[in-house]
Amino acid sequence: MKFNTQLKALAAATAIGLSGHAMAEGTAAGTVIDNTVTLGYTVNTVAQTDLTQTADFTVDTKVNFTLTMDETATIKVTPEGTNYVAGYTLTSTSNDTLGFALTLADLATGNQTIDYGTVADTVDLGAAVAVYAEDGTTAGYQSAEDTATLVTNLAADDAIALYVVIATAPDATSLSDGDIAAVSLTADAKEADGSTNLTDNAADAFIEDTQQVVIITSSLTENTAFEVESAKFTDPDDVTDTNKFTLTVNVINDPICDTDLDADTTKVDYSSGTPDCPDAAATYIPKAIPGAMVEYTIKAKNSGSQDADLVNFSVDLATVTDDDPDVTFALVQTTLRNESATFSDGTVTPDLSATTNNVLDVDVSSFKTGEDIEITFTAIVE
């Protein structure tokens, strides 16, 4: 009985303590945590020498991050412009230094989801778009500074700006006002150099003295979109017309209608048969015979979302030729007459300057969205 009593006393008098560092969330990967267990006790009220045991382990790497698209609307692009930028933020929520590979993809046409809503993708931008990581001392995209195409050595809890950039001029011939190109940016977690793949030890047995890797997030993708905003010239009579503008020609007079017709004749339009040709014996519609007066009509409407500035319509009849390779003279003489140019609302007066030879120039300082213009002039068929 005495022996059992002593065992009970020993158990009651034993104290076990833990000392060392406490491991908090966010402890840097590779940190060695040392823990010591101390066993203190007495025997028959006499303190005995403490017993200790020590164990350590290495903090493993937690791979985790966020990728945020910073824009709240489509990035507006003007054809032939450069350096249009969509901003992103890449934030490490890891406990280790990481790198990231960055990949862009031009999304398929059709509806695409962006953080701020759904857009209708209509065109591809192809090689015109690139991605760069903040690499300079000046905040915001700087083409001369921010040239890194991957992220290296992003410290734990740090963030870095990324820029999806149209660095080369979008082709005006392939883009129209309102076109949208949606692209995706993908960030893949890598070793600190940004190119070497990580090894995931999530399914491996725990090894206390080895820095293992647990990949919580390996890859994230976020979309953005660029939208073309520009002037768009269409036929005022048909806004669905795909031509930039329209040019039509009509014979309005000829020597049968007016035997005194020459280049300086004020235009009279007999093309509808009313009024009747004064010199014709019967009802007659003018034809494109030598000496006939033709009227050219240029029509254009700015159906785009932006005004067009410094607009110039230029006509040079010296460039007009016929379809017969054996005929070398021009079909239309090089004298323009009866020039006019008007805007639909009359508030803007085009600057119309005509020469006495073959050139007509119409200059418009600002061709406002929603406006249309009509330009007419006549010439004589040789």
Protein backbone atom coordinates (compact mmCIF):
# COMPACT_ATOMS: atom_id res chain seq x y z
CA MET A 1 0.00 0.00 0.00
CA LYS A 2 2.78 2.44 0.72
CA PHE A 3 4.27 1.94 -2.73
CA ASN A 4 0.94 2.76 -4.38
CA THR A 5 0.55 5.82 -2.21
CA GLN A 6 3.95 7.08 -3.33
CA LEU A 7 3.00 6.58 -7.00
CA LYS A 8 -0.14 8.62 -6.46
CA ALA A 9 1.87 11.35 -4.77
CA LEU A 10 4.40 11.35 -7.57
CA ALA A 11 1.68 11.72 -10.18
CA ALA A 12 0.04 14.52 -8.26
CA ALA A 13 3.30 16.41 -7.85
CA THR A 14 4.42 16.12 -11.50
CA ALA A 15 4.19 19.35 -13.65
CA ILE A 16 4.63 19.32 -17.42
CA GLY A 17 5.42 22.65 -19.18
CA LEU A 18 5.89 23.73 -22.85
CA SER A 19 8.38 26.47 -23.71
CA GLY A 20 9.65 28.03 -26.94
CA HIS A 21 8.02 29.88 -29.89
CA ALA A 22 4.32 29.73 -30.57
CA MET A 23 3.54 29.21 -34.28
CA ALA A 24 1.19 31.92 -35.50
CA GLU A 25 -0.59 31.95 -38.92
CA GLY A 26 1.66 33.71 -41.37
CA THR A 27 4.91 32.45 -39.89
CA ALA A 28 7.51 32.54 -42.63
CA ALA A 29 8.11 29.30 -44.46
CA GLY A 30 11.41 27.67 -43.52
CA THR A 31 11.23 28.93 -39.94
CA VAL A 32 12.38 26.23 -37.49
CA ILE A 33 10.08 25.98 -34.49
CA ASP A 34 11.79 24.63 -31.33
CA ASN A 35 9.60 23.27 -28.52
CA THR A 36 10.87 22.02 -25.16
CA VAL A 37 8.85 19.89 -22.72
CA THR A 38 9.92 20.15 -19.08
CA LEU A 39 8.92 17.52 -16.50
CA GLY A 40 9.23 18.78 -12.92
CA TYR A 41 8.35 16.70 -9.87
CA THR A 42 8.98 16.04 -6.16
CA VAL A 43 9.39 12.84 -4.18
CA ASN A 44 8.36 12.94 -0.51
CA THR A 45 8.26 16.76 -0.82
CA VAL A 46 11.84 16.76 -2.13
CA ALA A 47 12.22 18.47 -5.50
CA GLN A 48 13.88 16.35 -8.09
CA THR A 49 15.91 17.34 -11.13
CA ASP A 50 13.71 18.41 -14.06
CA LEU A 51 13.57 16.23 -17.09
CA THR A 52 13.44 17.87 -20.56
CA GLN A 53 12.74 16.78 -24.09
CA THR A 54 13.15 18.98 -27.20
CA ALA A 55 11.51 18.69 -30.63
CA ASP A 56 11.58 20.98 -33.65
CA PHE A 57 9.90 21.21 -37.03
CA THR A 58 10.13 23.40 -40.11
CA VAL A 59 7.25 25.65 -41.15
CA ASP A 60 5.98 24.61 -44.57
CA THR A 61 5.09 26.83 -47.54
CA LYS A 62 1.45 27.77 -48.03
CA VAL A 63 0.87 28.80 -51.64
CA ASN A 64 -2.09 31.15 -51.87
CA PHE A 65 -2.81 34.42 -53.67
CA THR A 66 -5.50 36.63 -55.17
CA LEU A 67 -5.82 38.22 -58.62
CA THR A 68 -8.06 41.26 -58.97
CA MET A 69 -9.07 43.13 -62.12
CA ASP A 70 -9.06 46.80 -61.15
CA GLU A 71 -11.25 48.31 -63.88
CA THR A 72 -14.94 49.16 -63.46
CA ALA A 73 -15.77 49.43 -67.18
CA THR A 74 -14.38 48.47 -70.58
CA ILE A 75 -11.11 50.15 -71.55
CA LYS A 76 -11.84 52.56 -74.38
CA VAL A 77 -9.62 52.17 -77.46
CA THR A 78 -9.19 54.41 -80.51
CA PRO A 79 -7.99 52.67 -83.71
CA GLU A 80 -4.36 53.53 -84.52
CA GLY A 81 -3.77 54.54 -80.88
CA THR A 82 -1.29 52.90 -78.51
CA ASN A 83 -0.75 52.02 -74.86
CA TYR A 84 -4.29 51.34 -73.69
CA VAL A 85 -4.05 49.69 -70.27
CA ALA A 86 -6.23 47.45 -68.10
CA GLY A 87 -4.94 47.21 -64.54
CA TYR A 88 -4.78 44.17 -62.27
CA THR A 89 -3.48 43.57 -58.75
CA LEU A 90 -1.74 40.34 -57.79
CA THR A 91 -1.54 39.85 -54.01
CA SER A 92 0.36 37.09 -52.23
CA THR A 93 -1.36 35.59 -49.20
CA SER A 94 1.41 33.05 -48.90
CA ASN A 95 4.05 32.79 -46.17
CA ASP A 96 6.89 32.46 -48.67
CA THR A 97 8.42 34.31 -51.60
CA LEU A 98 6.77 33.29 -54.85
CA GLY A 99 6.98 33.95 -58.58
CA PHE A 100 4.18 33.90 -61.14
CA ALA A 101 3.88 33.12 -64.83
CA LEU A 102 1.47 35.41 -66.68
CA THR A 103 -0.58 34.28 -69.67
CA LEU A 104 -3.05 36.12 -71.89
CA ALA A 105 -5.80 34.61 -74.00
CA ASP A 106 -8.05 36.33 -76.52
CA LEU A 107 -11.52 35.13 -75.59
CA ALA A 108 -13.95 33.77 -78.13
CA THR A 109 -16.62 35.95 -79.65
CA GLY A 110 -19.92 35.99 -77.80
CA ASN A 111 -20.88 36.92 -74.26
CA GLN A 112 -18.02 37.02 -71.78
CA THR A 113 -18.21 37.67 -68.05
CA ILE A 114 -16.19 40.52 -66.55
CA ASP A 115 -16.25 41.58 -62.90
CA TYR A 116 -18.49 44.54 -63.75
CA GLY A 117 -20.91 42.59 -65.93
CA THR A 118 -21.30 40.75 -69.24
CA VAL A 119 -19.90 42.07 -72.51
CA ALA A 120 -20.46 40.90 -76.09
CA ASP A 121 -17.06 40.06 -77.56
CA THR A 122 -17.03 40.85 -81.30
CA VAL A 123 -13.37 40.99 -82.41
CA ASP A 124 -9.93 39.58 -81.68
CA LEU A 125 -6.95 41.77 -80.89
CA GLY A 126 -4.40 39.00 -81.36
CA ALA A 127 -0.75 39.91 -80.92
CA ALA A 128 -1.62 43.54 -80.25
CA VAL A 129 -2.14 42.83 -76.54
CA ALA A 130 0.56 41.99 -73.96
CA VAL A 131 0.94 41.74 -70.17
CA TYR A 132 3.61 43.38 -68.04
CA ALA A 133 4.41 43.45 -64.33
CA GLU A 134 5.25 46.64 -62.44
CA ASP A 135 9.00 46.83 -62.72
CA GLY A 136 9.92 50.49 -62.33
CA THR A 137 10.04 53.23 -59.75
CA THR A 138 7.03 55.14 -61.09
CA ALA A 139 3.54 53.96 -60.23
CA GLY A 140 1.32 53.15 -63.19
CA TYR A 141 2.25 51.68 -66.52
CA GLN A 142 5.44 53.15 -67.99
CA SER A 143 6.37 51.57 -71.31
CA ALA A 144 10.07 52.26 -70.79
CA GLU A 145 10.16 50.81 -67.27
CA ASP A 146 7.52 48.11 -66.97
CA THR A 147 8.84 45.47 -69.32
CA ALA A 148 8.80 42.34 -67.13
CA THR A 149 6.55 39.62 -68.53
CA LEU A 150 6.50 37.50 -65.37
CA VAL A 151 6.57 38.13 -61.63
CA THR A 152 9.66 37.21 -59.63
CA ASN A 153 10.38 37.27 -55.90
CA LEU A 154 7.01 38.48 -54.66
CA ALA A 155 7.38 38.49 -50.90
CA ALA A 156 4.80 37.08 -48.52
CA ASP A 157 1.81 39.42 -48.12
CA ASP A 158 3.11 41.77 -50.85
CA ALA A 159 1.14 42.93 -53.90
CA ILE A 160 2.20 43.93 -57.40
CA ALA A 161 0.45 45.79 -60.21
CA LEU A 162 -0.03 44.03 -63.54
CA TYR A 163 -0.88 45.74 -66.81
CA VAL A 164 -2.66 44.25 -69.82
CA VAL A 165 -1.60 46.61 -72.58
CA ILE A 166 -2.43 47.27 -76.22
CA ALA A 167 1.08 48.44 -76.99
CA THR A 168 0.83 48.39 -80.78
CA ALA A 169 -1.70 50.33 -82.80
CA PRO A 170 -4.99 48.47 -83.41
CA ASP A 171 -5.72 48.20 -87.12
CA ALA A 172 -8.35 50.75 -88.07
CA THR A 173 -9.40 48.69 -91.08
CA SER A 174 -10.43 45.74 -88.93
CA LEU A 175 -12.08 47.59 -86.03
CA SER A 176 -15.34 49.52 -85.89
CA ASP A 177 -16.96 51.73 -83.31
CA GLY A 178 -18.51 49.59 -80.57
CA ASP A 179 -16.35 46.54 -81.19
CA ILE A 180 -15.32 44.75 -78.00
CA ALA A 181 -12.37 42.43 -77.46
CA ALA A 182 -12.40 40.47 -74.21
CA VAL A 183 -9.18 38.92 -72.95
CA SER A 184 -8.28 36.78 -69.95
CA LEU A 185 -5.21 37.06 -67.74
CA THR A 186 -4.04 33.93 -65.93
CA ALA A 187 -1.49 33.96 -63.13
CA ASP A 188 0.17 30.63 -62.25
CA ALA A 189 2.11 30.30 -59.01
CA LYS A 190 5.76 29.32 -59.47
CA GLU A 191 9.01 29.21 -57.56
CA ALA A 192 10.50 32.62 -56.80
CA ASP A 193 12.17 32.86 -60.23
CA GLY A 194 8.74 32.93 -61.86
CA SER A 195 9.43 30.07 -64.27
CA THR A 196 10.07 26.91 -62.21
CA ASN A 197 7.07 24.81 -61.26
CA LEU A 198 6.21 24.16 -57.62
CA THR A 199 6.02 20.66 -56.16
CA ASP A 200 2.85 20.08 -54.19
CA ASN A 201 3.39 17.94 -51.08
CA ALA A 202 -0.23 18.05 -49.95
CA ALA A 203 -0.65 14.27 -50.17
CA ASP A 204 2.80 13.45 -48.79
CA ALA A 205 3.54 12.37 -45.21
CA PHE A 206 4.61 15.18 -42.88
CA ILE A 207 8.38 15.43 -42.45
CA GLU A 208 9.22 17.58 -39.50
CA ASP A 209 12.61 18.83 -40.65
CA THR A 210 11.69 19.39 -44.32
CA GLN A 211 10.08 22.50 -45.80
CA GLN A 212 7.15 21.08 -47.72
CA VAL A 213 4.75 22.89 -50.04
CA VAL A 214 0.98 23.00 -49.79
CA ILE A 215 -0.68 24.58 -52.81
CA ILE A 216 -4.01 26.09 -51.86
CA THR A 217 -4.28 28.23 -55.00
CA SER A 218 -2.20 27.35 -58.03
CA SER A 219 -3.83 29.37 -60.79
CA LEU A 220 -6.31 32.23 -61.12
CA THR A 221 -7.89 33.83 -64.18
CA GLU A 222 -9.65 37.18 -64.50
CA ASN A 223 -11.15 38.74 -67.63
CA THR A 224 -11.04 42.28 -68.93
CA ALA A 225 -12.31 43.97 -72.10
CA PHE A 226 -11.30 46.68 -74.55
CA GLU A 227 -13.99 48.62 -76.41
CA VAL A 228 -13.48 50.60 -79.59
CA GLU A 229 -14.73 54.18 -79.46
CA SER A 230 -14.36 56.06 -82.71
CA ALA A 231 -16.05 57.98 -85.44
CA LYS A 232 -17.83 55.75 -87.94
CA PHE A 233 -18.78 56.97 -91.38
CA THR A 234 -21.86 55.41 -92.97
CA ASP A 235 -24.44 56.26 -95.57
CA PRO A 236 -26.91 58.75 -94.01
CA ASP A 237 -29.72 56.96 -95.84
CA ASP A 238 -28.66 53.54 -94.52
CA VAL A 239 -26.72 53.45 -91.24
CA THR A 240 -26.22 49.69 -91.64
CA ASP A 241 -24.10 50.32 -94.73
CA THR A 242 -20.58 49.09 -94.16
CA ASN A 243 -18.95 51.64 -96.46
CA LYS A 244 -17.06 54.51 -94.88
CA PHE A 245 -19.20 56.88 -96.96
CA THR A 246 -21.02 56.81 -100.31
CA LEU A 247 -20.10 58.30 -103.67
CA THR A 248 -22.74 58.28 -106.39
CA VAL A 249 -22.86 59.76 -109.89
CA ASN A 250 -25.83 60.77 -111.99
CA VAL A 251 -26.11 62.30 -115.47
CA ILE A 252 -28.25 65.43 -115.10
CA ASN A 253 -27.75 67.16 -118.44
CA ASP A 254 -26.28 66.51 -121.89
CA PRO A 255 -25.97 68.30 -125.27
CA ILE A 256 -29.31 66.89 -126.42
CA CYS A 257 -31.03 68.64 -123.52
CA ASP A 258 -28.92 71.77 -123.66
CA THR A 259 -26.99 72.51 -126.84
CA ASP A 260 -25.11 75.34 -125.13
CA LEU A 261 -23.88 73.11 -122.27
CA ASP A 262 -20.31 73.70 -121.14
CA ALA A 263 -18.26 73.43 -117.96
CA ASP A 264 -19.49 76.81 -116.68
CA THR A 265 -23.18 76.04 -117.08
CA THR A 266 -25.20 76.31 -113.89
CA LYS A 267 -26.53 72.85 -113.20
CA VAL A 268 -30.10 71.97 -114.07
CA ASP A 269 -31.22 68.45 -113.31
CA TYR A 270 -33.21 66.84 -116.10
CA SER A 271 -32.53 63.27 -114.91
CA SER A 272 -36.09 62.64 -113.76
CA GLY A 273 -37.64 63.89 -117.00
CA THR A 274 -39.10 66.91 -115.22
CA PRO A 275 -38.55 69.56 -116.34
CA ASP A 276 -38.30 68.38 -119.90
CA CYS A 277 -35.04 68.84 -121.73
CA PRO A 278 -35.51 72.19 -123.49
CA ASP A 279 -33.76 71.16 -126.73
CA ALA A 280 -35.08 67.58 -126.97
CA ALA A 281 -37.79 66.83 -129.49
CA ALA A 282 -39.57 64.44 -127.09
CA THR A 283 -39.39 63.18 -123.51
CA TYR A 284 -35.77 62.41 -122.93
CA ILE A 285 -33.57 61.40 -119.97
CA PRO A 286 -29.95 62.64 -120.27
CA LYS A 287 -27.27 60.04 -120.97
CA ALA A 288 -23.50 59.83 -120.42
CA ILE A 289 -22.60 60.92 -123.93
CA PRO A 290 -19.62 63.18 -124.66
CA GLY A 291 -20.37 66.64 -123.39
CA ALA A 292 -22.83 65.43 -120.74
CA MET A 293 -22.88 66.99 -117.28
CA VAL A 294 -22.53 64.47 -114.45
CA GLU A 295 -23.21 65.25 -110.83
CA TYR A 296 -21.19 63.57 -108.12
CA THR A 297 -22.71 63.26 -104.63
CA ILE A 298 -20.74 62.37 -101.53
CA LYS A 299 -22.74 61.48 -98.44
CA ALA A 300 -21.42 60.60 -95.01
CA LYS A 301 -22.87 60.25 -91.52
CA ASN A 302 -20.84 60.01 -88.35
CA SER A 303 -22.66 57.09 -86.74
CA GLY A 304 -19.85 56.51 -84.24
CA SER A 305 -19.60 57.36 -80.57
CA GLN A 306 -16.86 59.96 -81.01
CA ASP A 307 -16.47 63.16 -83.02
CA ALA A 308 -14.07 63.09 -85.96
CA ASP A 309 -11.71 66.04 -86.06
CA LEU A 310 -9.75 67.57 -88.92
CA VAL A 311 -11.86 65.79 -91.54
CA ASN A 312 -10.95 66.33 -95.20
CA PHE A 313 -12.81 65.14 -98.28
CA SER A 314 -10.57 65.44 -101.32
CA VAL A 315 -11.57 64.89 -104.93
CA ASP A 316 -9.06 64.83 -107.78
CA LEU A 317 -10.66 64.12 -111.14
CA ALA A 318 -7.25 63.75 -112.74
CA THR A 319 -7.25 60.27 -111.19
CA VAL A 320 -10.46 59.27 -112.96
CA THR A 321 -9.83 56.81 -115.80
CA ASP A 322 -11.94 54.58 -117.95
CA ASP A 323 -12.11 50.80 -118.14
CA ASP A 324 -10.73 50.55 -121.67
CA PRO A 325 -6.96 49.86 -121.63
CA ASP A 326 -6.69 51.19 -125.17
CA VAL A 327 -8.07 54.59 -124.23
CA THR A 328 -5.68 56.88 -122.42
CA PHE A 329 -7.72 60.05 -121.92
CA ALA A 330 -9.88 60.63 -118.86
CA LEU A 331 -13.63 60.27 -119.21
CA VAL A 332 -14.31 63.31 -117.08
CA GLN A 333 -12.67 66.64 -117.74
CA THR A 334 -10.60 68.26 -115.05
CA THR A 335 -12.85 71.21 -114.31
CA LEU A 336 -15.17 71.08 -111.33
CA ARG A 337 -18.23 73.31 -111.06
CA ASN A 338 -21.38 73.82 -108.96
CA GLU A 339 -19.72 72.74 -105.73
CA SER A 340 -21.66 72.63 -102.47
CA ALA A 341 -21.21 71.11 -99.04
CA THR A 342 -23.76 71.18 -96.23
CA PHE A 343 -24.29 69.61 -92.83
CA SER A 344 -27.68 68.23 -91.92
CA ASP A 345 -28.34 70.60 -89.02
CA GLY A 346 -26.81 73.67 -90.66
CA THR A 347 -24.92 74.63 -87.51
CA VAL A 348 -21.53 73.72 -88.93
CA THR A 349 -20.33 75.21 -92.19
CA PRO A 350 -17.73 73.11 -94.00
CA ASP A 351 -14.78 74.95 -95.48
CA LEU A 352 -15.21 74.29 -99.19
CA SER A 353 -12.33 75.34 -101.40
CA ALA A 354 -12.49 74.59 -105.14
CA THR A 355 -9.82 75.18 -107.70
CA THR A 356 -10.37 75.87 -111.38
CA ASN A 357 -8.73 72.62 -112.32
CA ASN A 358 -9.34 69.13 -111.02
CA VAL A 359 -9.20 69.30 -107.23
CA LEU A 360 -11.96 69.84 -104.68
CA ASP A 361 -11.20 69.94 -100.94
CA VAL A 362 -13.78 70.06 -98.18
CA ASP A 363 -12.37 70.62 -94.71
CA VAL A 364 -14.35 70.07 -91.51
CA SER A 365 -12.77 70.97 -88.19
CA SER A 366 -15.11 68.71 -86.24
CA PHE A 367 -17.51 66.16 -87.72
CA LYS A 368 -19.72 65.58 -84.70
CA THR A 369 -21.30 62.27 -83.86
CA GLY A 370 -24.82 62.00 -85.26
CA GLU A 371 -24.17 64.57 -88.01
CA ASP A 372 -24.26 63.93 -91.75
CA ILE A 373 -22.82 65.84 -94.67
CA GLU A 374 -23.67 66.06 -98.36
CA ILE A 375 -21.17 67.28 -100.92
CA THR A 376 -22.02 67.73 -104.60
CA PHE A 377 -20.15 68.94 -107.70
CA THR A 378 -20.44 68.60 -111.44
CA ALA A 379 -18.07 67.84 -114.29
CA ILE A 380 -18.35 67.34 -118.04
CA VAL A 381 -17.74 64.05 -119.85
CA GLU A 382 -15.16 64.50 -122.56
